[in-house]
C-alpha atoms as a PDB file:
ATOM      1  CA  MET A   1      -3.721 -43.805   1.084  1.00  0.00           C
ATOM      2  CA  THR A   2      -1.083 -46.331   2.182  1.00  0.00           C
ATOM      3  CA  ASN A   3      -0.670 -47.440  -1.419  1.00  0.00           C
ATOM      4  CA  LEU A   4       0.003 -43.819  -2.497  1.00  0.00           C
ATOM      5  CA  ILE A   5       2.642 -43.321   0.193  1.00  0.00           C
ATOM      6  CA  ALA A   6       4.337 -46.562  -0.783  1.00  0.00           C
ATOM      7  CA  ARG A   7       4.545 -45.462  -4.428  1.00  0.00           C
ATOM      8  CA  LEU A   8       6.399 -42.191  -3.640  1.00  0.00           C
ATOM      9  CA  SER A   9      10.030 -42.284  -4.643  1.00  0.00           C
ATOM     10  CA  LEU A  10      12.902 -40.697  -2.761  1.00  0.00           C
ATOM     11  CA  THR A  11      12.803 -37.760  -5.204  1.00  0.00           C
ATOM     12  CA  ASP A  12       9.105 -37.248  -4.453  1.00  0.00           C
ATOM     13  CA  TRP A  13       9.788 -37.222  -0.712  1.00  0.00           C
ATOM     14  CA  ILE A  14      12.597 -34.686  -1.156  1.00  0.00           C
ATOM     15  CA  ALA A  15      10.309 -32.470  -3.260  1.00  0.00           C
ATOM     16  CA  LEU A  16       7.534 -32.672  -0.622  1.00  0.00           C
ATOM     17  CA  GLY A  17      10.018 -31.872   2.142  1.00  0.00           C
ATOM     18  CA  SER A  18      11.371 -28.907   0.191  1.00  0.00           C
ATOM     19  CA  LEU A  19       7.844 -27.637  -0.434  1.00  0.00           C
ATOM     20  CA  LEU A  20       6.973 -27.912   3.259  1.00  0.00           C
ATOM     21  CA  ALA A  21      10.196 -26.112   4.238  1.00  0.00           C
ATOM     22  CA  ALA A  22       9.454 -23.311   1.741  1.00  0.00           C
ATOM     23  CA  VAL A  23       5.921 -22.839   3.137  1.00  0.00           C
ATOM     24  CA  VAL A  24       7.212 -22.669   6.721  1.00  0.00           C
ATOM     25  CA  ALA A  25       9.956 -20.204   5.706  1.00  0.00           C
ATOM     26  CA  ALA A  26       7.418 -17.974   3.926  1.00  0.00           C
ATOM     27  CA  ILE A  27       5.169 -17.906   6.992  1.00  0.00           C
ATOM     28  CA  PHE A  28       8.061 -16.886   9.241  1.00  0.00           C
ATOM     29  CA  ALA A  29       9.283 -14.290   6.722  1.00  0.00           C
ATOM     30  CA  VAL A  30       5.856 -12.624   6.717  1.00  0.00           C
ATOM     31  CA  ARG A  31       5.752 -12.633  10.529  1.00  0.00           C
ATOM     32  CA  VAL A  32       9.251 -11.101  10.741  1.00  0.00           C
ATOM     33  CA  ASP A  33       8.312  -8.425   8.179  1.00  0.00           C
ATOM     34  CA  VAL A  34       5.135  -7.498  10.089  1.00  0.00           C
ATOM     35  CA  PHE A  35       7.049  -7.406  13.377  1.00  0.00           C
ATOM     36  CA  GLY A  36       9.754  -5.251  11.775  1.00  0.00           C
ATOM     37  CA  ARG A  37       7.208  -2.735  10.457  1.00  0.00           C
ATOM     38  CA  ARG A  38       5.480  -2.532  13.833  1.00  0.00           C
ATOM     39  CA  SER A  39       8.825  -2.049  15.551  1.00  0.00           C
ATOM     40  CA  ARG A  40       9.802   0.737  13.135  1.00  0.00           C
ATOM     41  CA  ALA A  41       6.450   2.479  13.575  1.00  0.00           C
ATOM     42  CA  ARG A  42       6.950   2.298  17.344  1.00  0.00           C
ATOM     43  CA  ASP A  43      10.479   3.735  17.027  1.00  0.00           C
ATOM     44  CA  ILE A  44       9.600   6.671  14.743  1.00  0.00           C
ATOM     45  CA  ARG A  45       6.153   7.553  16.162  1.00  0.00           C
ATOM     46  CA  PRO A  46       6.315  11.092  17.560  1.00  0.00           C
ATOM     47  CA  GLN A  47       4.985  11.395  21.083  1.00  0.00           C
ATOM     48  CA  PRO A  48       5.003  15.075  22.028  1.00  0.00           C
ATOM     49  CA  ARG A  49       3.646  15.911  25.454  1.00  0.00           C
ATOM     50  CA  VAL A  50       2.203  19.225  26.630  1.00  0.00           C
ATOM     51  CA  ARG A  51       3.063  20.992  29.849  1.00  0.00           C
ATOM     52  CA  TRP A  52       1.066  23.954  31.035  1.00  0.00           C
ATOM     53  CA  VAL A  53       3.735  26.501  31.941  1.00  0.00           C
ATOM     54  CA  ALA A  54       1.471  29.083  33.527  1.00  0.00           C
ATOM     55  CA  PRO A  55      -1.633  27.821  35.336  1.00  0.00           C
ATOM     56  CA  GLY A  56      -4.780  29.851  34.835  1.00  0.00           C
ATOM     57  CA  TYR A  57      -4.164  30.803  31.217  1.00  0.00           C
ATOM     58  CA  VAL A  58      -2.707  29.274  28.080  1.00  0.00           C
ATOM     59  CA  ARG A  59       1.064  29.096  27.950  1.00  0.00           C
ATOM     60  CA  LEU A  60       2.594  25.765  27.159  1.00  0.00           C
ATOM     61  CA  GLY A  61       5.791  23.854  26.638  1.00  0.00           C
ATOM     62  CA  PHE A  62       6.381  20.605  24.761  1.00  0.00           C
ATOM     63  CA  TYR A  63       8.748  17.705  25.097  1.00  0.00           C
ATOM     64  CA  ASN A  64       8.918  14.586  22.921  1.00  0.00           C
ATOM     65  CA  VAL A  65       9.462  11.053  24.199  1.00  0.00           C
ATOM     66  CA  GLY A  66       9.118   9.492  20.732  1.00  0.00           C
ATOM     67  CA  GLY A  67      10.616   9.843  17.284  1.00  0.00           C
ATOM     68  CA  PRO A  68      11.109  13.195  15.527  1.00  0.00           C
ATOM     69  CA  ALA A  69       8.000  15.180  14.668  1.00  0.00           C
ATOM     70  CA  VAL A  70       8.412  16.736  11.236  1.00  0.00           C
ATOM     71  CA  HIS A  71       5.231  18.744  11.803  1.00  0.00           C
ATOM     72  CA  ALA A  72       3.085  19.002  14.928  1.00  0.00           C
ATOM     73  CA  LEU A  73      -0.142  20.901  15.518  1.00  0.00           C
ATOM     74  CA  TRP A  74      -1.633  21.587  18.935  1.00  0.00           C
ATOM     75  CA  VAL A  75      -5.119  23.054  19.397  1.00  0.00           C
ATOM     76  CA  GLY A  76      -6.411  23.890  22.843  1.00  0.00           C
ATOM     77  CA  ALA A  77      -8.954  25.923  24.701  1.00  0.00           C
ATOM     78  CA  GLY A  78      -8.250  28.168  27.644  1.00  0.00           C
ATOM     79  CA  LYS A  79      -8.255  31.593  29.168  1.00  0.00           C
ATOM     80  CA  PRO A  80      -6.198  34.240  27.380  1.00  0.00           C
ATOM     81  CA  LYS A  81      -3.398  36.063  29.184  1.00  0.00           C
ATOM     82  CA  LEU A  82      -5.484  39.208  29.303  1.00  0.00           C
ATOM     83  CA  PRO A  83      -8.935  39.030  30.911  1.00  0.00           C
ATOM     84  CA  GLY A  84     -11.558  37.757  28.524  1.00  0.00           C
ATOM     85  CA  LYS A  85     -13.674  34.842  27.447  1.00  0.00           C
ATOM     86  CA  PRO A  86     -12.099  31.416  27.034  1.00  0.00           C
ATOM     87  CA  SER A  87     -10.579  31.199  23.567  1.00  0.00           C
ATOM     88  CA  LEU A  88      -9.280  28.678  21.058  1.00  0.00           C
ATOM     89  CA  PHE A  89      -5.509  28.556  20.627  1.00  0.00           C
ATOM     90  CA  ALA A  90      -3.226  26.803  18.132  1.00  0.00           C
ATOM     91  CA  ALA A  91       0.522  26.236  17.926  1.00  0.00           C
ATOM     92  CA  TYR A  92       2.790  24.709  15.274  1.00  0.00           C
ATOM     93  CA  ALA A  93       6.066  22.988  16.110  1.00  0.00           C
ATOM     94  CA  THR A  94       8.747  20.578  14.976  1.00  0.00           C
ATOM     95  CA  PHE A  95      10.586  18.340  17.456  1.00  0.00           C
ATOM     96  CA  ASP A  96      13.744  16.326  17.594  1.00  0.00           C
ATOM     97  CA  GLY A  97      13.249  12.761  18.719  1.00  0.00           C
ATOM     98  CA  HIS A  98      13.497  11.606  22.325  1.00  0.00           C
ATOM     99  CA  THR A  99      13.983  14.964  24.030  1.00  0.00           C
ATOM    100  CA  ASN A 100      13.069  15.426  27.664  1.00  0.00           C
ATOM    101  CA  GLU A 101      13.662  19.169  27.789  1.00  0.00           C
ATOM    102  CA  TYR A 102      10.609  21.387  27.600  1.00  0.00           C
ATOM    103  CA  VAL A 103      10.477  23.831  24.719  1.00  0.00           C
ATOM    104  CA  ASP A 104       8.176  26.831  25.113  1.00  0.00           C
ATOM    105  CA  PHE A 105       5.996  27.614  22.122  1.00  0.00           C
ATOM    106  CA  VAL A 106       4.080  30.674  21.150  1.00  0.00           C
ATOM    107  CA  GLU A 107       0.443  29.865  20.710  1.00  0.00           C
ATOM    108  CA  THR A 108      -1.880  31.952  18.568  1.00  0.00           C
ATOM    109  CA  ASN A 109      -5.200  33.086  19.985  1.00  0.00           C
ATOM    110  CA  LEU A 110      -7.766  32.224  17.310  1.00  0.00           C
ATOM    111  CA  GLY A 111     -10.613  33.988  19.097  1.00  0.00           C
ATOM    112  CA  PRO A 112     -13.306  33.447  21.731  1.00  0.00           C
ATOM    113  CA  LEU A 113     -15.061  30.113  21.892  1.00  0.00           C
ATOM    114  CA  PRO A 114     -18.654  30.116  20.639  1.00  0.00           C
ATOM    115  CA  GLU A 115     -21.381  29.549  23.240  1.00  0.00           C
ATOM    116  CA  GLU A 116     -22.456  26.245  21.637  1.00  0.00           C
ATOM    117  CA  SER A 117     -18.965  24.782  21.931  1.00  0.00           C
ATOM    118  CA  GLN A 118     -18.610  21.878  24.327  1.00  0.00           C
ATOM    119  CA  VAL A 119     -15.499  23.509  25.806  1.00  0.00           C
ATOM    120  CA  ALA A 120     -16.890  27.059  26.153  1.00  0.00           C
ATOM    121  CA  GLU A 121     -16.866  26.770  29.947  1.00  0.00           C
ATOM    122  CA  VAL A 122     -13.244  25.643  30.231  1.00  0.00           C
ATOM    123  CA  SER A 123     -11.871  26.710  33.618  1.00  0.00           C
ATOM    124  CA  SER A 124      -8.150  26.912  32.804  1.00  0.00           C
ATOM    125  CA  ALA A 125      -6.683  25.176  29.739  1.00  0.00           C
ATOM    126  CA  GLU A 126      -7.386  21.974  27.852  1.00  0.00           C
ATOM    127  CA  SER A 127      -5.722  20.210  24.914  1.00  0.00           C
ATOM    128  CA  LEU A 128      -8.225  19.370  22.193  1.00  0.00           C
ATOM    129  CA  ILE A 129      -6.006  18.234  19.313  1.00  0.00           C
ATOM    130  CA  LEU A 130      -2.357  17.211  19.172  1.00  0.00           C
ATOM    131  CA  VAL A 131      -1.299  15.670  15.851  1.00  0.00           C
ATOM    132  CA  ALA A 132       2.230  15.066  14.598  1.00  0.00           C
ATOM    133  CA  GLN A 133       3.819  13.720  11.419  1.00  0.00           C
ATOM    134  CA  ASP A 134       6.637  11.165  11.652  1.00  0.00           C
ATOM    135  CA  VAL A 135       9.696  10.957   9.377  1.00  0.00           C
ATOM    136  CA  ASP A 136       7.879   8.537   7.043  1.00  0.00           C
ATOM    137  CA  GLY A 137       5.061  11.065   6.478  1.00  0.00           C
ATOM    138  CA  ARG A 138       2.460   9.272   8.607  1.00  0.00           C
ATOM    139  CA  TRP A 139       0.288  11.404  10.905  1.00  0.00           C
ATOM    140  CA  TRP A 140      -0.478  10.440  14.511  1.00  0.00           C
ATOM    141  CA  ASP A 141      -3.111  11.596  16.996  1.00  0.00           C
ATOM    142  CA  CYS A 142      -0.822  12.034  19.990  1.00  0.00           C
ATOM    143  CA  LEU A 143      -3.638  12.531  22.505  1.00  0.00           C
ATOM    144  CA  LYS A 144      -5.240   9.212  21.528  1.00  0.00           C
ATOM    145  CA  ASP A 145      -1.883   7.527  20.762  1.00  0.00           C
ATOM    146  CA  ARG A 146      -2.925   6.118  17.388  1.00  0.00           C
ATOM    147  CA  ALA A 147      -2.154   6.544  13.703  1.00  0.00           C
ATOM    148  CA  ILE A 148      -4.486   8.676  11.591  1.00  0.00           C
ATOM    149  CA  SER A 149      -5.831   6.787   8.591  1.00  0.00           C
ATOM    150  CA  THR A 150      -7.602   9.725   6.885  1.00  0.00           C
ATOM    151  CA  PRO A 151      -5.939  12.848   5.431  1.00  0.00           C
ATOM    152  CA  VAL A 152      -4.838  15.056   8.312  1.00  0.00           C
ATOM    153  CA  LYS A 153      -6.922  18.096   7.280  1.00  0.00           C
ATOM    154  CA  LYS A 154     -10.045  15.959   7.168  1.00  0.00           C
ATOM    155  CA  TYR A 155      -9.172  14.453  10.550  1.00  0.00           C
ATOM    156  CA  VAL A 156      -8.583  17.858  12.161  1.00  0.00           C
ATOM    157  CA  ALA A 157     -11.842  19.150  10.651  1.00  0.00           C
ATOM    158  CA  SER A 158     -13.775  16.227  12.138  1.00  0.00           C
ATOM    159  CA  GLN A 159     -12.185  16.791  15.556  1.00  0.00           C
ATOM    160  CA  LEU A 160     -13.101  20.479  15.458  1.00  0.00           C
ATOM    161  CA  ALA A 161     -16.649  19.660  14.325  1.00  0.00           C
ATOM    162  CA  THR A 162     -17.217  17.327  17.293  1.00  0.00           C
ATOM    163  CA  GLN A 163     -16.505  20.327  19.564  1.00  0.00           C
ATOM    164  CA  HIS A 164     -18.673  22.696  17.453  1.00  0.00           C
ATOM    165  CA  LEU A 165     -15.513  24.576  16.469  1.00  0.00           C
ATOM    166  CA  ASP A 166     -15.626  24.019  12.696  1.00  0.00           C
ATOM    167  CA  ALA A 167     -15.757  27.789  12.106  1.00  0.00           C
ATOM    168  CA  PHE A 168     -12.092  27.868  13.175  1.00  0.00           C
ATOM    169  CA  ALA A 169     -10.972  25.203  10.668  1.00  0.00           C
ATOM    170  CA  GLU A 170      -9.289  27.500   8.109  1.00  0.00           C
ATOM    171  CA  ARG A 171      -7.363  29.391  10.795  1.00  0.00           C
ATOM    172  CA  VAL A 172      -6.259  26.110  12.408  1.00  0.00           C
ATOM    173  CA  TYR A 173      -5.057  24.817   9.011  1.00  0.00           C
ATOM    174  CA  LYS A 174      -3.100  28.017   8.463  1.00  0.00           C
ATOM    175  CA  GLU A 175      -1.557  27.989  11.928  1.00  0.00           C
ATOM    176  CA  GLY A 176      -0.726  24.285  11.601  1.00  0.00           C
ATOM    177  CA  ARG A 177       0.715  24.757   8.104  1.00  0.00           C
ATOM    178  CA  LEU A 178      -1.625  22.122   6.753  1.00  0.00           C
ATOM    179  CA  GLY A 179      -1.981  23.950   3.452  1.00  0.00           C
END
């Protein structure tokens, strides 16, 4: 090993040094790129929040502490304004980024909850799904605060199915403009 080091010329040492510097620069460039993408995702991620405007039945307002939401879909369960069984509701919205003012939205009553639903006995109102699309086209589950890796329709369908509400899927897609 010592013999090999002794045989290296100045040009060889410069080449080795340049190679080492290039490897270190590439590692840092990758780390900066990853950090930059994470920072951008954090900056543009929509974070709408729900406020129950009228306790006892479904009427809600939204505000957004994150980036703009190109499309947002809320699905919730609650008591309708008129006496009746707890029902499933859906609302579609778009939001500007970083707004702290509540915006009231009209929610659509999709019908009474089936008996087998896990939320059929809801006492007032409960958010079940809140998904929003950022300006780059990526969808986020805003209740779980994470990106959605599957197509949004498939994701919404799976969320409805876990609550035994899959019979409402087509109406939720229509209300949420999911095509």
